[in-house]
N, C-alpha and C. Protein backbone atom coordinates (compact mmCIF):
# COMPACT_ATOMS: atom_id res chain seq x y z
N MET A 1 -34.17 -104.28 48.14
CA MET A 1 -33.86 -105.11 47.00
C MET A 1 -34.29 -104.46 45.70
N LYS A 2 -35.42 -103.74 45.71
CA LYS A 2 -35.91 -103.10 44.49
C LYS A 2 -34.92 -102.05 44.00
N THR A 3 -34.31 -101.33 44.92
CA THR A 3 -33.34 -100.30 44.56
C THR A 3 -32.13 -100.92 43.87
N ILE A 4 -31.66 -102.05 44.38
CA ILE A 4 -30.51 -102.73 43.78
C ILE A 4 -30.88 -103.23 42.39
N ALA A 5 -32.07 -103.78 42.24
CA ALA A 5 -32.52 -104.28 40.93
C ALA A 5 -32.63 -103.13 39.93
N LYS A 6 -33.13 -102.00 40.37
CA LYS A 6 -33.24 -100.84 39.48
C LYS A 6 -31.85 -100.33 39.08
N THR A 7 -30.93 -100.32 40.04
CA THR A 7 -29.57 -99.87 39.76
C THR A 7 -28.89 -100.80 38.77
N VAL A 8 -29.03 -102.10 38.99
CA VAL A 8 -28.42 -103.07 38.08
C VAL A 8 -29.02 -102.93 36.68
N SER A 9 -30.32 -102.73 36.61
CA SER A 9 -30.99 -102.56 35.33
C SER A 9 -30.49 -101.29 34.63
N ALA A 10 -30.35 -100.21 35.38
CA ALA A 10 -29.87 -98.95 34.81
C ALA A 10 -28.44 -99.09 34.31
N VAL A 11 -27.60 -99.79 35.06
CA VAL A 11 -26.21 -100.00 34.65
C VAL A 11 -26.16 -100.84 33.38
N ALA A 12 -27.02 -101.86 33.29
CA ALA A 12 -27.06 -102.70 32.09
C ALA A 12 -27.48 -101.88 30.87
N LEU A 13 -28.49 -101.03 31.04
CA LEU A 13 -28.93 -100.18 29.93
C LEU A 13 -27.84 -99.19 29.52
N LEU A 14 -27.16 -98.62 30.50
CA LEU A 14 -26.09 -97.67 30.21
C LEU A 14 -24.93 -98.36 29.50
N THR A 15 -24.58 -99.55 29.95
CA THR A 15 -23.51 -100.32 29.31
C THR A 15 -23.84 -100.62 27.87
N THR A 16 -25.08 -101.01 27.60
CA THR A 16 -25.51 -101.29 26.24
C THR A 16 -25.45 -100.02 25.39
N ALA A 17 -25.90 -98.91 25.93
CA ALA A 17 -25.88 -97.65 25.20
C ALA A 17 -24.45 -97.23 24.87
N ILE A 18 -23.54 -97.36 25.82
CA ILE A 18 -22.14 -96.99 25.58
C ILE A 18 -21.51 -97.90 24.55
N SER A 19 -21.77 -99.19 24.64
CA SER A 19 -21.22 -100.14 23.67
C SER A 19 -21.72 -99.83 22.27
N THR A 20 -23.00 -99.50 22.15
CA THR A 20 -23.57 -99.15 20.85
C THR A 20 -22.95 -97.87 20.31
N ALA A 21 -22.77 -96.88 21.17
CA ALA A 21 -22.18 -95.61 20.73
C ALA A 21 -20.73 -95.81 20.30
N LEU A 22 -19.98 -96.60 21.03
CA LEU A 22 -18.57 -96.83 20.67
C LEU A 22 -18.46 -97.64 19.38
N ALA A 23 -19.37 -98.56 19.16
CA ALA A 23 -19.34 -99.37 17.94
C ALA A 23 -19.63 -98.50 16.72
N ALA A 24 -20.36 -97.40 16.91
CA ALA A 24 -20.71 -96.53 15.80
C ALA A 24 -19.59 -95.56 15.43
N LEU A 25 -18.58 -95.44 16.28
CA LEU A 25 -17.48 -94.51 15.99
C LEU A 25 -16.57 -95.09 14.91
N PRO A 26 -16.09 -94.25 14.01
CA PRO A 26 -15.16 -94.75 12.99
C PRO A 26 -13.79 -95.06 13.60
N ASP A 27 -13.08 -95.97 12.97
CA ASP A 27 -11.72 -96.30 13.41
C ASP A 27 -10.80 -95.16 12.99
N PRO A 28 -10.13 -94.49 13.93
CA PRO A 28 -9.30 -93.34 13.57
C PRO A 28 -8.01 -93.72 12.83
N GLY A 29 -7.66 -94.99 12.82
CA GLY A 29 -6.47 -95.43 12.11
C GLY A 29 -5.18 -95.13 12.85
N MET A 30 -5.24 -94.93 14.13
CA MET A 30 -4.02 -94.68 14.90
C MET A 30 -3.96 -95.64 16.06
N GLN A 31 -2.76 -95.84 16.58
CA GLN A 31 -2.59 -96.69 17.73
C GLN A 31 -2.07 -95.87 18.90
N VAL A 32 -2.61 -96.15 20.06
CA VAL A 32 -2.17 -95.48 21.28
C VAL A 32 -1.07 -96.33 21.89
N GLU A 33 0.10 -95.73 22.07
CA GLU A 33 1.24 -96.44 22.66
C GLU A 33 1.45 -95.96 24.09
N ASN A 34 1.36 -96.88 25.04
CA ASN A 34 1.61 -96.53 26.43
C ASN A 34 3.02 -95.96 26.57
N GLY A 35 3.14 -94.88 27.31
CA GLY A 35 4.44 -94.26 27.53
C GLY A 35 4.82 -93.26 26.45
N ARG A 36 4.10 -93.24 25.32
CA ARG A 36 4.41 -92.31 24.23
C ARG A 36 3.20 -91.48 23.83
N THR A 37 2.11 -91.63 24.57
CA THR A 37 0.87 -90.96 24.21
C THR A 37 0.45 -90.05 25.35
N ALA A 38 0.04 -88.84 25.00
CA ALA A 38 -0.43 -87.89 26.01
C ALA A 38 -1.86 -87.46 25.66
N LEU A 39 -2.60 -87.12 26.67
CA LEU A 39 -3.93 -86.57 26.49
C LEU A 39 -3.88 -85.12 26.96
N VAL A 40 -4.16 -84.20 26.05
CA VAL A 40 -4.13 -82.78 26.38
C VAL A 40 -5.58 -82.31 26.46
N VAL A 41 -5.95 -81.78 27.60
CA VAL A 41 -7.31 -81.31 27.81
C VAL A 41 -7.25 -79.80 28.01
N THR A 42 -8.03 -79.07 27.22
CA THR A 42 -8.08 -77.61 27.38
C THR A 42 -9.50 -77.20 27.72
N ASP A 43 -9.63 -76.07 28.33
CA ASP A 43 -10.94 -75.50 28.60
C ASP A 43 -11.13 -74.39 27.58
N PRO A 44 -11.82 -74.66 26.47
CA PRO A 44 -11.93 -73.66 25.41
C PRO A 44 -12.60 -72.37 25.85
N GLN A 45 -13.51 -72.45 26.80
CA GLN A 45 -14.19 -71.24 27.22
C GLN A 45 -13.23 -70.27 27.89
N ASN A 46 -12.38 -70.78 28.78
CA ASN A 46 -11.48 -69.89 29.51
C ASN A 46 -10.18 -69.64 28.74
N ASP A 47 -9.59 -70.67 28.14
CA ASP A 47 -8.29 -70.53 27.51
C ASP A 47 -8.35 -69.87 26.13
N PHE A 48 -9.37 -70.18 25.36
CA PHE A 48 -9.36 -69.74 23.96
C PHE A 48 -10.46 -68.75 23.61
N LEU A 49 -11.58 -68.83 24.28
CA LEU A 49 -12.72 -68.01 23.87
C LEU A 49 -12.91 -66.73 24.67
N SER A 50 -12.30 -66.63 25.81
CA SER A 50 -12.49 -65.42 26.61
C SER A 50 -11.58 -64.31 26.10
N PRO A 51 -11.97 -63.05 26.25
CA PRO A 51 -11.18 -61.93 25.77
C PRO A 51 -9.76 -61.89 26.36
N LYS A 52 -9.56 -62.37 27.57
CA LYS A 52 -8.23 -62.36 28.18
C LYS A 52 -7.56 -63.72 28.09
N GLY A 53 -8.06 -64.59 27.21
CA GLY A 53 -7.49 -65.93 27.04
C GLY A 53 -6.22 -65.90 26.22
N VAL A 54 -5.70 -67.04 25.90
CA VAL A 54 -4.42 -67.14 25.19
C VAL A 54 -4.47 -66.64 23.76
N THR A 55 -5.57 -66.76 23.11
CA THR A 55 -5.61 -66.33 21.69
C THR A 55 -6.30 -65.02 21.49
């Protein structure tokens, strides 16, 4: 039971921390439209920063 209580407590603290961090972010002024929005993720170390990378 102690492990479950510690886990629940840790999750509550993490949730509070994430909520606080998100509340501190500025509003970017854009709207995400489902079906028209893409997320592009690059690995800057391999794709852009390495000598044999794209740039």
